[in-house]
Protein backbone atom coordinates (compact mmCIF):
# COMPACT_ATOMS: atom_id res chain seq x y z
CA UNK A 1 -1.63 35.97 -42.25
CA UNK A 2 -5.30 35.07 -42.09
CA UNK A 3 -6.88 32.78 -39.53
CA UNK A 4 -7.39 30.23 -42.31
CA UNK A 5 -3.69 30.39 -43.24
CA UNK A 6 -2.73 29.91 -39.60
CA UNK A 7 -5.03 26.89 -39.25
CA UNK A 8 -3.59 25.38 -42.44
CA UNK A 9 -0.03 25.96 -41.19
CA UNK A 10 -0.78 24.34 -37.82
CA UNK A 11 -2.46 21.35 -39.50
CA UNK A 12 0.62 20.86 -41.71
CA UNK A 13 2.93 21.13 -38.69
CA UNK A 14 0.84 18.55 -36.78
CA UNK A 15 0.96 16.16 -39.74
CA UNK A 16 4.72 16.61 -40.03
CA UNK A 17 5.06 15.92 -36.29
CA UNK A 18 2.95 12.77 -36.57
CA UNK A 19 5.13 11.54 -39.43
CA UNK A 20 8.25 12.15 -37.37
CA UNK A 21 6.66 10.31 -34.42
CA UNK A 22 5.81 7.39 -36.69
CA UNK A 23 9.43 7.28 -37.89
CA UNK A 24 11.03 7.34 -34.41
CA UNK A 25 8.62 5.44 -32.13
CA UNK A 26 10.34 2.13 -32.86
CA UNK A 27 13.56 3.46 -31.34
CA UNK A 28 12.06 3.81 -27.85
CA UNK A 29 10.77 1.54 -25.09
CA UNK A 30 8.72 3.95 -22.96
CA UNK A 31 6.03 6.59 -23.35
CA UNK A 32 5.87 9.30 -20.69
CA UNK A 33 2.87 11.61 -20.48
CA UNK A 34 2.69 14.68 -18.27
CA UNK A 35 0.05 17.41 -18.19
CA UNK A 36 2.11 19.45 -20.65
CA UNK A 37 4.09 17.05 -22.84
CA UNK A 38 4.35 13.59 -24.38
CA UNK A 39 7.79 11.93 -24.50
CA UNK A 40 9.39 8.81 -25.94
CA UNK A 41 12.47 7.52 -24.12
CA UNK A 42 14.46 4.43 -23.22
CA UNK A 43 15.62 5.77 -19.85
CA UNK A 44 13.04 7.11 -17.39
CA UNK A 45 13.15 7.51 -13.62
CA UNK A 46 10.15 8.57 -11.50
CA UNK A 47 10.54 9.79 -7.93
CA UNK A 48 7.61 10.65 -5.67
CA UNK A 49 8.46 13.57 -3.42
CA UNK A 50 6.72 15.43 -0.60
CA UNK A 51 6.81 19.20 -0.29
CA UNK A 52 7.27 20.86 3.09
CA UNK A 53 3.53 21.52 3.23
CA UNK A 54 2.84 17.79 2.79
CA UNK A 55 1.74 17.94 -0.85
CA UNK A 56 3.00 15.13 -3.07
CA UNK A 57 4.75 15.92 -6.34
CA UNK A 58 6.56 13.92 -8.99
CA UNK A 59 10.05 14.29 -10.37
CA UNK A 60 10.59 12.57 -13.70
CA UNK A 61 14.03 12.33 -15.27
CA UNK A 62 14.62 11.12 -18.81
CA UNK A 63 17.72 10.79 -20.94
CA UNK A 64 17.90 10.76 -24.74
CA UNK A 65 14.21 11.49 -25.24
CA UNK A 66 11.98 12.63 -28.08
CA UNK A 67 9.30 15.19 -27.23
CA UNK A 68 5.97 15.73 -28.99
CA UNK A 69 5.99 19.51 -29.47
CA UNK A 70 5.38 21.01 -32.87
CA UNK A 71 6.86 24.37 -31.85
CA UNK A 72 10.30 23.01 -30.90
CA UNK A 73 12.95 23.24 -33.61
CA UNK A 74 14.67 20.11 -32.22
CA UNK A 75 12.57 17.39 -30.65
CA UNK A 76 15.42 15.13 -29.53
CA UNK A 77 16.64 16.18 -26.10
CA UNK A 78 19.60 14.82 -24.16
CA UNK A 79 18.22 15.30 -20.64
CA UNK A 80 14.72 16.12 -19.41
CA UNK A 81 13.62 16.83 -15.85
CA UNK A 82 9.94 17.37 -15.13
CA UNK A 83 8.63 18.41 -11.72
CA UNK A 84 4.86 18.37 -11.42
CA UNK A 85 1.99 18.13 -8.96
CA UNK A 86 -0.18 16.65 -11.74
CA UNK A 87 -0.49 13.05 -12.87
CA UNK A 88 2.36 11.33 -14.72
CA UNK A 89 1.76 8.29 -16.89
CA UNK A 90 4.66 6.00 -17.81
CA UNK A 91 4.07 3.02 -20.07
CA UNK A 92 6.41 0.44 -21.48
CA UNK A 93 5.78 -0.03 -25.17
CA UNK A 94 5.07 -3.56 -26.34
CA UNK A 95 6.25 -4.36 -29.84
CA UNK A 96 2.60 -4.71 -30.90
CA UNK A 97 2.08 -1.06 -29.83
CA UNK A 98 4.58 -0.04 -32.46
CA UNK A 99 2.55 -1.26 -35.41
CA UNK A 100 1.22 1.98 -36.86
CA UNK A 101 -0.92 2.43 -39.94
CA UNK A 102 0.68 4.01 -42.96
CA UNK A 103 -0.57 7.32 -44.36
CA UNK A 104 -3.47 5.50 -46.06
CA UNK A 105 -4.58 3.86 -42.81
CA UNK A 106 -3.25 0.43 -43.76
CA UNK A 107 -1.02 -1.55 -41.39
CA UNK A 108 2.53 -1.14 -42.51
CA UNK A 109 5.08 0.06 -39.99
CA UNK A 110 6.28 -2.33 -37.34
CA UNK A 111 9.18 -0.76 -35.43
């Protein structure tokens, strides 16, 4: 497989992932971003913890989530637990956030 073939494959996988995201985003109320992943979920819990050395870390628990990861065979996961020392961003999606352009860039989907 050439480098060009690999790039084409990855571009196709990313487009397929975006299409799946566009199809499922309307099912969820929250976006959760960590340093490694992007999740959609309706059930998220964030706990701020302190390690024995005094460092602060975050424990994020989600149930029935969708994960943005083009290398996973199944992106729907029943339970997710993330422990990280990095930033965590949790946003509640407004219905206006769910209005995505169609494949031609025109407004069309409104979850």
